[in-house]
Amino acid sequence: QVQPVESGGGLVQAGGSLRLSCSAPGILFSSKDMGWYRQAPGNQREFVATITGGGRTNYRDSVKGRFTISRDNAKSTVYLQMNSLKPEDTAVYYCNAVSFALRNTYWGQGTQVTVSS
């Protein structure tokens, strides 16, 4: 199975934290750039953060300083630590290999994050 499996979402108050996990054993994980993406109701899916195989990271401006992406190649897992959450962070969060995301393929089920004000 190539599709990743996301977990760790939930309901949290504004200012709270969540840690998302993404297991992707079906991908040649250590060689892949990985990313977290999100889709809010009525919106298109958008990039949140990416991490290269070597650990270089990139974030969308609205989450810089609040979110941290990391990876454990031995476990084929990528994480997203989300702090100081805001209601506008509410969305379904997905992870994927960046190359698959660009081709809009192999998406998993995602995990719902809801931030209440």
C-alpha atoms as a PDB file:
ATOM      1  CA  GLN A   1       0.000   0.000   0.000  1.00  0.00           C
ATOM      2  CA  VAL A   2       1.459   3.293  -1.110  1.00  0.00           C
ATOM      3  CA  GLN A   3      -1.084   5.585   0.508  1.00  0.00           C
ATOM      4  CA  PRO A   4       0.142   7.122   3.747  1.00  0.00           C
ATOM      5  CA  VAL A   5      -1.834   6.753   6.981  1.00  0.00           C
ATOM      6  CA  GLU A   6      -2.274   9.939   9.005  1.00  0.00           C
ATOM      7  CA  SER A   7      -3.197  10.151  12.685  1.00  0.00           C
ATOM      8  CA  GLY A   8      -3.158  12.507  15.649  1.00  0.00           C
ATOM      9  CA  GLY A   9      -5.876  14.972  14.723  1.00  0.00           C
ATOM     10  CA  GLY A  10      -8.600  16.097  17.068  1.00  0.00           C
ATOM     11  CA  LEU A  11     -10.467  18.992  18.617  1.00  0.00           C
ATOM     12  CA  VAL A  12      -8.382  21.587  20.433  1.00  0.00           C
ATOM     13  CA  GLN A  13      -8.915  25.106  21.716  1.00  0.00           C
ATOM     14  CA  ALA A  14      -7.153  28.042  20.128  1.00  0.00           C
ATOM     15  CA  GLY A  15      -3.622  28.283  21.459  1.00  0.00           C
ATOM     16  CA  GLY A  16      -3.372  24.549  21.963  1.00  0.00           C
ATOM     17  CA  SER A  17      -1.095  21.982  20.357  1.00  0.00           C
ATOM     18  CA  LEU A  18      -1.369  18.762  18.397  1.00  0.00           C
ATOM     19  CA  ARG A  19       1.178  16.379  16.943  1.00  0.00           C
ATOM     20  CA  LEU A  20       0.274  14.657  13.700  1.00  0.00           C
ATOM     21  CA  SER A  21       1.937  11.463  12.538  1.00  0.00           C
ATOM     22  CA  CYS A  22       2.093   9.931   9.088  1.00  0.00           C
ATOM     23  CA  SER A  23       3.178   6.367   8.427  1.00  0.00           C
ATOM     24  CA  ALA A  24       4.267   5.689   4.866  1.00  0.00           C
ATOM     25  CA  PRO A  25       5.957   2.278   4.718  1.00  0.00           C
ATOM     26  CA  GLY A  26       4.881   1.740   1.111  1.00  0.00           C
ATOM     27  CA  ILE A  27       7.016   4.629  -0.122  1.00  0.00           C
ATOM     28  CA  LEU A  28      10.785   4.479  -0.621  1.00  0.00           C
ATOM     29  CA  PHE A  29      10.703   6.812   2.330  1.00  0.00           C
ATOM     30  CA  SER A  30      14.279   7.834   2.949  1.00  0.00           C
ATOM     31  CA  SER A  31      14.744   9.040  -0.626  1.00  0.00           C
ATOM     32  CA  LYS A  32      11.497  10.984  -0.827  1.00  0.00           C
ATOM     33  CA  ASP A  33      10.761  14.583  -0.025  1.00  0.00           C
ATOM     34  CA  MET A  34       7.660  14.469   2.160  1.00  0.00           C
ATOM     35  CA  GLY A  35       5.018  17.064   2.840  1.00  0.00           C
ATOM     36  CA  TRP A  36       2.006  17.930   4.930  1.00  0.00           C
ATOM     37  CA  TYR A  37      -1.000  19.463   3.208  1.00  0.00           C
ATOM     38  CA  ARG A  38      -4.437  20.561   4.388  1.00  0.00           C
ATOM     39  CA  GLN A  39      -7.890  21.149   2.984  1.00  0.00           C
ATOM     40  CA  ALA A  40     -10.511  23.265   4.700  1.00  0.00           C
ATOM     41  CA  PRO A  41     -14.198  23.022   3.704  1.00  0.00           C
ATOM     42  CA  GLY A  42     -14.816  24.810   0.432  1.00  0.00           C
ATOM     43  CA  ASN A  43     -11.107  25.310  -0.205  1.00  0.00           C
ATOM     44  CA  GLN A  44      -8.532  23.564  -2.331  1.00  0.00           C
ATOM     45  CA  ARG A  45      -5.863  21.454  -0.701  1.00  0.00           C
ATOM     46  CA  GLU A  46      -2.829  23.580   0.166  1.00  0.00           C
ATOM     47  CA  PHE A  47       0.779  23.016   1.084  1.00  0.00           C
ATOM     48  CA  VAL A  48       1.645  23.344   4.777  1.00  0.00           C
ATOM     49  CA  ALA A  49       5.237  22.128   5.133  1.00  0.00           C
ATOM     50  CA  THR A  50       7.784  19.949   3.378  1.00  0.00           C
ATOM     51  CA  ILE A  51      10.940  18.162   4.423  1.00  0.00           C
ATOM     52  CA  THR A  52      13.621  16.770   2.125  1.00  0.00           C
ATOM     53  CA  GLY A  53      15.255  13.394   2.581  1.00  0.00           C
ATOM     54  CA  GLY A  54      18.171  15.265   4.108  1.00  0.00           C
ATOM     55  CA  GLY A  55      16.000  17.170   6.562  1.00  0.00           C
ATOM     56  CA  ARG A  56      15.725  20.595   4.937  1.00  0.00           C
ATOM     57  CA  THR A  57      12.343  22.140   5.714  1.00  0.00           C
ATOM     58  CA  ASN A  58       9.993  24.651   4.124  1.00  0.00           C
ATOM     59  CA  TYR A  59       6.756  26.153   5.516  1.00  0.00           C
ATOM     60  CA  ARG A  60       3.883  28.224   4.282  1.00  0.00           C
ATOM     61  CA  ASP A  61       4.090  31.702   5.745  1.00  0.00           C
ATOM     62  CA  SER A  62       1.005  31.406   7.952  1.00  0.00           C
ATOM     63  CA  VAL A  63       2.449  28.490   9.965  1.00  0.00           C
ATOM     64  CA  LYS A  64       6.070  29.598  10.250  1.00  0.00           C
ATOM     65  CA  GLY A  65       7.189  29.695  13.865  1.00  0.00           C
ATOM     66  CA  ARG A  66       4.189  27.615  14.986  1.00  0.00           C
ATOM     67  CA  PHE A  67       4.498  24.305  13.104  1.00  0.00           C
ATOM     68  CA  THR A  68       7.507  21.982  12.889  1.00  0.00           C
ATOM     69  CA  ILE A  69       7.854  19.142  10.400  1.00  0.00           C
ATOM     70  CA  SER A  70      10.221  16.270  11.154  1.00  0.00           C
ATOM     71  CA  ARG A  71      10.845  12.737   9.968  1.00  0.00           C
ATOM     72  CA  ASP A  72      12.120   9.391  11.208  1.00  0.00           C
ATOM     73  CA  ASN A  73      13.404   7.480   8.207  1.00  0.00           C
ATOM     74  CA  ALA A  74      13.882   4.273  10.216  1.00  0.00           C
ATOM     75  CA  LYS A  75      10.158   4.273  10.980  1.00  0.00           C
ATOM     76  CA  SER A  76       9.040   5.632   7.576  1.00  0.00           C
ATOM     77  CA  THR A  77       7.155   8.288   9.524  1.00  0.00           C
ATOM     78  CA  VAL A  78       6.817  12.042   9.193  1.00  0.00           C
ATOM     79  CA  TYR A  79       5.473  14.295  11.946  1.00  0.00           C
ATOM     80  CA  LEU A  80       3.901  17.728  12.198  1.00  0.00           C
ATOM     81  CA  GLN A  81       4.091  19.432  15.566  1.00  0.00           C
ATOM     82  CA  MET A  82       1.489  22.187  15.637  1.00  0.00           C
ATOM     83  CA  ASN A  83       1.626  24.807  18.391  1.00  0.00           C
ATOM     84  CA  SER A  84      -0.333  28.003  18.996  1.00  0.00           C
ATOM     85  CA  LEU A  85      -3.159  26.655  16.887  1.00  0.00           C
ATOM     86  CA  LYS A  86      -5.694  29.083  15.422  1.00  0.00           C
ATOM     87  CA  PRO A  87      -9.258  28.514  14.207  1.00  0.00           C
ATOM     88  CA  GLU A  88      -8.043  29.107  10.652  1.00  0.00           C
ATOM     89  CA  ASP A  89      -5.867  26.000  10.984  1.00  0.00           C
ATOM     90  CA  THR A  90      -9.029  23.896  10.996  1.00  0.00           C
ATOM     91  CA  ALA A  91      -8.835  21.433   8.099  1.00  0.00           C
ATOM     92  CA  VAL A  92      -8.250  17.846   7.119  1.00  0.00           C
ATOM     93  CA  TYR A  93      -4.492  17.309   7.153  1.00  0.00           C
ATOM     94  CA  TYR A  94      -2.799  14.953   4.713  1.00  0.00           C
ATOM     95  CA  CYS A  95       0.749  13.837   4.188  1.00  0.00           C
ATOM     96  CA  ASN A  96       2.248  12.592   0.964  1.00  0.00           C
ATOM     97  CA  ALA A  97       5.449  12.337  -0.952  1.00  0.00           C
ATOM     98  CA  VAL A  98       5.929  15.680  -2.660  1.00  0.00           C
ATOM     99  CA  SER A  99       6.268  14.001  -6.061  1.00  0.00           C
ATOM    100  CA  PHE A 100       2.949  12.181  -5.570  1.00  0.00           C
ATOM    101  CA  ALA A 101       1.259  15.338  -4.312  1.00  0.00           C
ATOM    102  CA  LEU A 102       2.306  17.204  -7.458  1.00  0.00           C
ATOM    103  CA  ARG A 103       0.662  14.463  -9.521  1.00  0.00           C
ATOM    104  CA  ASN A 104      -2.356  14.456  -7.155  1.00  0.00           C
ATOM    105  CA  THR A 105      -2.037  10.737  -6.498  1.00  0.00           C
ATOM    106  CA  TYR A 106      -1.799   8.318  -3.559  1.00  0.00           C
ATOM    107  CA  TRP A 107      -3.583  10.498  -1.024  1.00  0.00           C
ATOM    108  CA  GLY A 108      -4.576   8.859   2.244  1.00  0.00           C
ATOM    109  CA  GLN A 109      -7.686   9.497   4.326  1.00  0.00           C
ATOM    110  CA  GLY A 110      -6.205  12.426   6.206  1.00  0.00           C
ATOM    111  CA  THR A 111      -6.806  13.412   9.820  1.00  0.00           C
ATOM    112  CA  GLN A 112      -9.247  16.088  10.957  1.00  0.00           C
ATOM    113  CA  VAL A 113      -7.943  19.019  12.976  1.00  0.00           C
ATOM    114  CA  THR A 114     -10.534  21.314  14.490  1.00  0.00           C
ATOM    115  CA  VAL A 115      -9.524  24.420  16.438  1.00  0.00           C
ATOM    116  CA  SER A 116     -12.237  26.125  18.452  1.00  0.00           C
ATOM    117  CA  SER A 117     -12.119  29.819  19.322  1.00  0.00           C
END
